[in-house]
Structure formats: C-alpha cells, structure tokens
Amino acid sequence: MSDTTIVSDPTLVSIPDANDTSTPRAAGRTFLPIREPEVAAQPTRSIGRLRREDAFRMLGAAAAGIAATAWLFTQVAPLSGVLPFILISYLFFVVFYAILVRFDESVVGVKDKLATVFFNSVAVVLLLALVDIVVFTVIKGLPAIIHLNFWTEDLTRGGPLDPLTVGGMLHAVVGTLIMITIALVIAIPLGLLCAVFLAEFPGPFSRVVRTVVEAMTALRPSSAACSSSPPGSCCWETRPRGWRPRSRSRS
C-alpha cells in the first residue's frame, strides 16, 4: 500500500510547502511543490533596420531642436556663431528624441536608441571630415594637375613663389617608391620566416606571435599591415580552415 497522502478536499486539509524546511515532515509522505508563475516572454527589439516611427521621431526631434536653438539664440541668450548653433541644436535634438522614444519604449529601449544615434552621429561627422579633406585637396590641386611638369619634374628649380609651370612632384613619387621597396625588403623575409616558425615550431611563444599576426590580419589593406607589422608579417601566414600546427616528435 502506498504511503502517499491523497487530499480529497483541498479546502479542509492544507498541503505543506515543499520548500518550507522549518516544519518537520512525516516519513513516507509526498508533498507537491508550488509552481511559480510563468514570466511572459518579452518581444525582441529590432536594431538592424530603421523603422518608420524612428524616422518620424528623428525628424520631429531635429525640427524641435533647431527651433529651440533659434529661439534661444534670438530671444534668450546673446549667442552667435554657426558651430555653437550646431552643438546646441544637437543637444536639444538628443533630449527631444529621448522624450519621444520614451512614449513607446522602455528605459532599455531609450538607452539603445540614444546609443545608436550617438554612434551614427560620430560616423557622419567623420565622413564629413573625410569628404571635406578630399574635396579641399582636389580643388586646391586641380590647377597644378593639368600641367605636364607636375608629373615629370621635381622641385630642384622650383620654389613656393614660382608659377605652376615650374617644378612638380616627381621627388615625392620617387621617395614613396624607395620607402615601399625598403619596407618590402624587410617585411617579406620576416613574413616567410614567421610563417615557417608558426607551422613547424608550436609553443608558448608561437601563440603570442599568432595572436599578433591575427590582430594585424584584421587591418586593411593587408599590404600596409605587412609593411608596418613586427616580425611575423600577416601577409605570409596562410592556412586552410581547421588547420592545426604539427607537434614536434620527441626523440
């Protein structure tokens, strides 16, 4: 006969809690544990694409930020200048954007959106700086590029006050080629020796070298990494997927 206690009327007999260790239990009894309520699964947030609501929030926050900054500059504070206007507008934009996002998102969602806006803003600023440098260089150098002497002469006879028809950049081209040749003469033998070392002589030091090589491999272009890397150039260490170094046989 089983020793399990069967309760026919749960309103008359209370079942002891299985997690309660303060109450002594009778031997041979089975206690039913209390089930914890299931937690509802939270919906996942999409961070890989820009939703229409996010675009509307950004446009509204940007318009509100510009309007608030214009009111601040013209009615409240004696401020002026393009750069202060842009910085203050951006601060207002972040504040208004956080308020708009908080209407529909949790605190975690607000932090995620603000982080996305910050890093995208940094990327845009860096891209604009790069475009400004390239455009400025092309505009200033375009009058000299069209002259043949710019490609075939050096500055032996030219000076800073001479016209663009005197002198050129031949010395810079030759100097660059000399530096690249010296770098390749040093990097190619070291890279080959490093590849042989990693393939044939595994050990604690080879793991350090392999870590440095894999870190340099992430740089692009790889030729720049080869010319600037320490012994163990990344260009020459190639191996198939799943490759492992051979262990040295002990005599």
Protein backbone atom coordinates (compact mmCIF):
# COMPACT_ATOMS: atom_id res chain seq x y z
CA MET A 1 0.00 0.00 0.00
CA SER A 2 1.39 3.40 -0.92
CA ASP A 3 2.21 5.96 1.78
CA THR A 4 1.20 8.90 -0.43
CA THR A 5 -1.41 11.12 1.20
CA ILE A 6 -4.30 11.92 -1.14
CA VAL A 7 -6.30 15.01 -0.27
CA SER A 8 -9.89 14.76 -1.42
CA ASP A 9 -10.97 18.21 -0.27
CA PRO A 10 -8.24 20.88 -0.52
CA THR A 11 -10.36 23.34 1.46
CA LEU A 12 -10.20 21.16 4.58
CA VAL A 13 -6.62 19.92 4.55
CA SER A 14 -3.65 22.16 3.77
CA ILE A 15 -0.71 20.73 1.86
CA PRO A 16 2.66 21.68 3.38
CA ASP A 17 5.04 23.66 1.26
CA ALA A 18 7.86 21.53 -0.16
CA ASN A 19 10.26 24.50 0.13
CA ASP A 20 9.47 25.05 3.81
CA THR A 21 12.27 23.48 5.89
CA SER A 22 11.06 24.78 9.24
CA THR A 23 8.16 22.30 9.51
CA PRO A 24 9.16 18.68 10.21
CA ARG A 25 7.86 16.25 7.62
CA ALA A 26 6.47 12.80 8.27
CA ALA A 27 8.36 9.95 6.73
CA GLY A 28 6.86 8.42 3.62
CA ARG A 29 4.78 11.44 2.61
CA THR A 30 4.84 13.13 -0.80
CA PHE A 31 4.49 16.91 -0.92
CA LEU A 32 3.51 18.75 -4.09
CA PRO A 33 5.76 21.77 -4.86
CA ILE A 34 4.16 25.10 -5.60
CA ARG A 35 4.60 26.12 -9.21
CA GLU A 36 5.95 29.59 -9.85
CA PRO A 37 4.00 31.75 -12.29
CA GLU A 38 5.43 31.77 -15.78
CA VAL A 39 7.04 35.00 -16.91
CA ALA A 40 5.75 36.28 -20.20
CA ALA A 41 8.42 36.44 -22.91
CA GLN A 42 9.41 39.98 -23.81
CA PRO A 43 9.21 40.91 -27.50
CA THR A 44 12.58 41.25 -29.20
CA ARG A 45 13.66 44.68 -30.36
CA SER A 46 14.78 45.10 -33.95
CA ILE A 47 18.06 47.01 -34.13
CA GLY A 48 19.15 46.13 -37.65
CA ARG A 49 16.85 48.45 -39.62
CA LEU A 50 15.34 51.90 -39.38
CA ARG A 51 11.62 51.83 -38.73
CA ARG A 52 9.21 54.46 -39.97
CA GLU A 53 8.44 55.52 -36.41
CA ASP A 54 12.15 56.09 -35.75
CA ALA A 55 12.46 58.26 -38.86
CA PHE A 56 9.48 60.38 -37.77
CA ARG A 57 10.93 60.73 -34.28
CA MET A 58 14.28 61.86 -35.63
CA LEU A 59 12.71 64.40 -37.98
CA GLY A 60 10.47 65.76 -35.23
CA ALA A 61 13.31 65.91 -32.70
CA ALA A 62 15.58 67.62 -35.24
CA ALA A 63 12.95 70.22 -36.09
CA ALA A 64 12.24 70.85 -32.42
CA GLY A 65 15.96 71.12 -31.64
CA ILE A 66 16.58 73.66 -34.40
CA ALA A 67 13.54 75.69 -33.38
CA ALA A 68 14.52 75.67 -29.70
CA THR A 69 18.08 76.72 -30.55
CA ALA A 70 16.87 79.54 -32.80
CA TRP A 71 14.59 80.77 -30.00
CA LEU A 72 17.48 80.55 -27.54
CA PHE A 73 19.85 82.49 -29.82
CA THR A 74 17.39 85.22 -30.76
CA GLN A 75 15.25 85.70 -27.65
CA VAL A 76 17.09 84.46 -24.55
CA ALA A 77 20.89 84.42 -24.73
CA PRO A 78 23.27 86.66 -26.68
CA LEU A 79 24.80 83.76 -28.61
CA SER A 80 26.08 83.69 -32.17
CA GLY A 81 28.14 81.54 -34.49
CA VAL A 82 27.49 78.51 -36.65
CA LEU A 83 29.38 75.97 -34.54
CA PRO A 84 27.62 76.85 -31.23
CA PHE A 85 24.28 76.73 -33.05
CA ILE A 86 25.01 73.23 -34.37
CA LEU A 87 26.21 71.89 -30.99
CA ILE A 88 23.27 73.29 -29.03
CA SER A 89 20.82 72.07 -31.68
CA TYR A 90 22.29 68.59 -31.39
CA LEU A 91 21.89 68.62 -27.59
CA PHE A 92 18.26 69.68 -27.93
CA PHE A 93 17.77 67.00 -30.58
CA VAL A 94 19.04 64.28 -28.23
CA VAL A 95 16.78 65.45 -25.42
CA PHE A 96 13.66 65.65 -27.59
CA TYR A 97 14.44 62.34 -29.24
CA ALA A 98 14.77 60.62 -25.86
CA ILE A 99 11.41 62.04 -24.78
CA LEU A 100 9.69 60.85 -27.98
CA VAL A 101 11.20 57.37 -27.72
CA ARG A 102 10.18 57.05 -24.06
CA PHE A 103 6.50 57.27 -25.05
CA ASP A 104 6.68 53.83 -26.71
CA GLU A 105 9.87 52.20 -25.41
CA SER A 106 11.23 51.11 -22.05
CA VAL A 107 14.28 52.59 -20.38
CA VAL A 108 16.46 49.95 -22.03
CA GLY A 109 14.98 50.85 -25.41
CA VAL A 110 15.68 54.55 -24.83
CA LYS A 111 19.31 53.81 -23.98
CA ASP A 112 19.64 51.64 -27.08
CA LYS A 113 18.19 54.34 -29.34
CA LEU A 114 20.38 57.06 -27.83
CA ALA A 115 23.50 54.92 -28.26
CA THR A 116 22.55 54.27 -31.89
CA VAL A 117 22.04 57.98 -32.53
CA PHE A 118 25.36 58.87 -30.88
CA PHE A 119 27.47 56.39 -32.85
CA ASN A 120 25.72 57.24 -36.11
CA SER A 121 26.36 60.92 -35.42
CA VAL A 122 30.06 60.23 -34.86
CA ALA A 123 30.19 58.25 -38.12
CA VAL A 124 28.54 61.12 -40.02
CA VAL A 125 30.98 63.66 -38.56
CA LEU A 126 33.98 61.54 -39.53
CA LEU A 127 32.59 61.01 -43.02
CA LEU A 128 32.02 64.73 -43.47
CA ALA A 129 35.57 65.45 -42.30
CA LEU A 130 36.94 62.95 -44.82
CA VAL A 131 34.84 64.42 -47.64
CA ASP A 132 35.99 67.93 -46.69
CA ILE A 133 39.66 66.90 -46.82
CA VAL A 134 39.31 65.15 -50.19
CA VAL A 135 37.30 67.97 -51.78
CA PHE A 136 39.66 70.65 -50.45
CA THR A 137 42.71 68.78 -51.75
CA VAL A 138 41.19 68.21 -55.19
CA ILE A 139 40.04 71.82 -55.55
CA LYS A 140 43.40 73.28 -54.49
CA GLY A 141 45.44 70.82 -56.55
CA LEU A 142 43.37 70.79 -59.71
CA PRO A 143 45.14 73.81 -61.30
CA ALA A 144 48.52 72.03 -60.94
CA ILE A 145 47.42 68.57 -62.07
CA ILE A 146 46.66 69.69 -65.60
CA HIS A 147 50.32 70.70 -66.21
CA LEU A 148 52.69 68.02 -67.52
CA ASN A 149 55.62 69.29 -65.46
CA PHE A 150 53.69 68.39 -62.29
CA TRP A 151 54.23 64.70 -63.12
CA THR A 152 57.69 64.81 -64.72
CA GLU A 153 59.71 67.39 -62.72
CA ASP A 154 60.80 67.86 -59.13
CA LEU A 155 61.31 70.98 -57.02
CA THR A 156 65.01 71.38 -57.80
CA ARG A 157 64.38 74.57 -59.77
CA GLY A 158 61.07 75.49 -58.20
CA GLY A 159 60.09 77.41 -55.10
CA PRO A 160 56.95 78.46 -53.25
CA LEU A 161 56.64 81.70 -55.27
CA ASP A 162 57.19 80.18 -58.72
CA PRO A 163 54.26 79.60 -61.08
CA LEU A 164 52.65 76.20 -61.53
CA THR A 165 54.59 75.65 -64.74
CA VAL A 166 57.83 75.22 -62.76
CA GLY A 167 58.57 72.12 -60.65
CA GLY A 168 56.48 69.07 -59.86
CA MET A 169 56.01 66.09 -57.55
CA LEU A 170 58.45 63.63 -59.12
CA HIS A 171 60.64 63.70 -56.00
CA ALA A 172 57.67 62.69 -53.83
CA VAL A 173 56.83 59.75 -56.10
CA VAL A 174 60.44 58.54 -56.11
CA GLY A 175 60.71 58.88 -52.32
CA THR A 176 57.48 56.90 -51.81
CA LEU A 177 58.69 54.10 -54.07
CA ILE A 178 62.01 53.95 -52.21
CA MET A 179 60.24 53.66 -48.85
CA ILE A 180 57.91 50.94 -50.13
CA THR A 181 60.87 48.99 -51.55
CA ILE A 182 62.77 49.15 -48.25
CA ALA A 183 59.65 48.06 -46.34
CA LEU A 184 59.09 45.08 -48.66
CA VAL A 185 62.74 44.01 -48.47
CA ILE A 186 62.41 43.89 -44.67
CA ALA A 187 58.87 42.51 -44.41
CA ILE A 188 58.94 39.70 -46.99
CA PRO A 189 61.79 37.63 -45.42
CA LEU A 190 60.43 38.21 -41.92
CA GLY A 191 56.95 37.19 -43.04
CA LEU A 192 58.20 33.97 -44.63
CA LEU A 193 60.27 33.09 -41.56
CA CYS A 194 57.29 33.81 -39.31
CA ALA A 195 55.06 31.50 -41.37
CA VAL A 196 57.60 28.70 -41.15
CA PHE A 197 58.00 29.27 -37.41
CA LEU A 198 54.25 29.13 -36.76
CA ALA A 199 53.82 26.00 -38.88
CA GLU A 200 56.79 23.95 -37.67
CA PHE A 201 57.62 25.14 -34.14
CA PRO A 202 54.49 25.35 -31.96
CA GLY A 203 54.92 26.50 -28.40
CA PRO A 204 54.08 29.24 -25.91
CA PHE A 205 55.92 31.93 -27.87
CA SER A 206 54.26 30.88 -31.13
CA ARG A 207 50.85 31.50 -29.57
CA VAL A 208 51.90 35.07 -28.80
CA VAL A 209 53.16 35.56 -32.35
CA ARG A 210 49.98 34.04 -33.77
CA THR A 211 47.85 36.45 -31.72
CA VAL A 212 49.82 39.42 -33.08
CA VAL A 213 49.57 38.08 -36.64
CA GLU A 214 45.80 37.56 -36.42
CA ALA A 215 45.40 41.06 -35.00
CA MET A 216 47.40 42.51 -37.88
CA THR A 217 45.36 40.47 -40.36
CA ALA A 218 42.28 42.48 -39.41
CA LEU A 219 43.91 45.64 -40.80
CA ARG A 220 43.10 46.69 -44.35
CA PRO A 221 44.79 46.98 -46.72
CA SER A 222 46.91 43.96 -45.90
CA SER A 223 49.95 45.42 -47.69
CA ALA A 224 50.01 48.27 -45.16
CA ALA A 225 49.87 45.75 -42.34
CA CYS A 226 52.72 43.80 -43.90
CA SER A 227 54.94 46.83 -44.27
CA SER A 228 54.29 48.05 -40.71
CA SER A 229 53.99 44.80 -38.77
CA PRO A 230 56.73 43.42 -36.48
CA PRO A 231 58.43 40.08 -37.19
CA GLY A 232 55.54 37.86 -38.12
CA SER A 233 54.02 39.71 -41.03
CA CYS A 234 50.41 38.79 -41.66
CA CYS A 235 50.64 38.53 -45.43
CA TRP A 236 52.53 35.29 -45.47
CA GLU A 237 50.72 33.28 -42.81
CA THR A 238 48.01 31.46 -44.77
CA ARG A 239 46.35 28.21 -43.73
CA PRO A 240 43.07 26.43 -44.54
CA ARG A 241 40.08 26.35 -42.22
CA GLY A 242 40.57 23.95 -39.32
CA TRP A 243 44.36 23.89 -39.70
CA ARG A 244 46.40 22.97 -36.64
CA PRO A 245 50.21 23.04 -36.25
CA ARG A 246 52.05 19.76 -36.09
CA SER A 247 53.54 18.76 -32.77
CA ARG A 248 57.24 18.10 -32.73
CA SER A 249 58.17 14.43 -32.39
CA ARG A 250 60.21 13.61 -29.35
CA SER A 251 63.27 11.51 -29.86
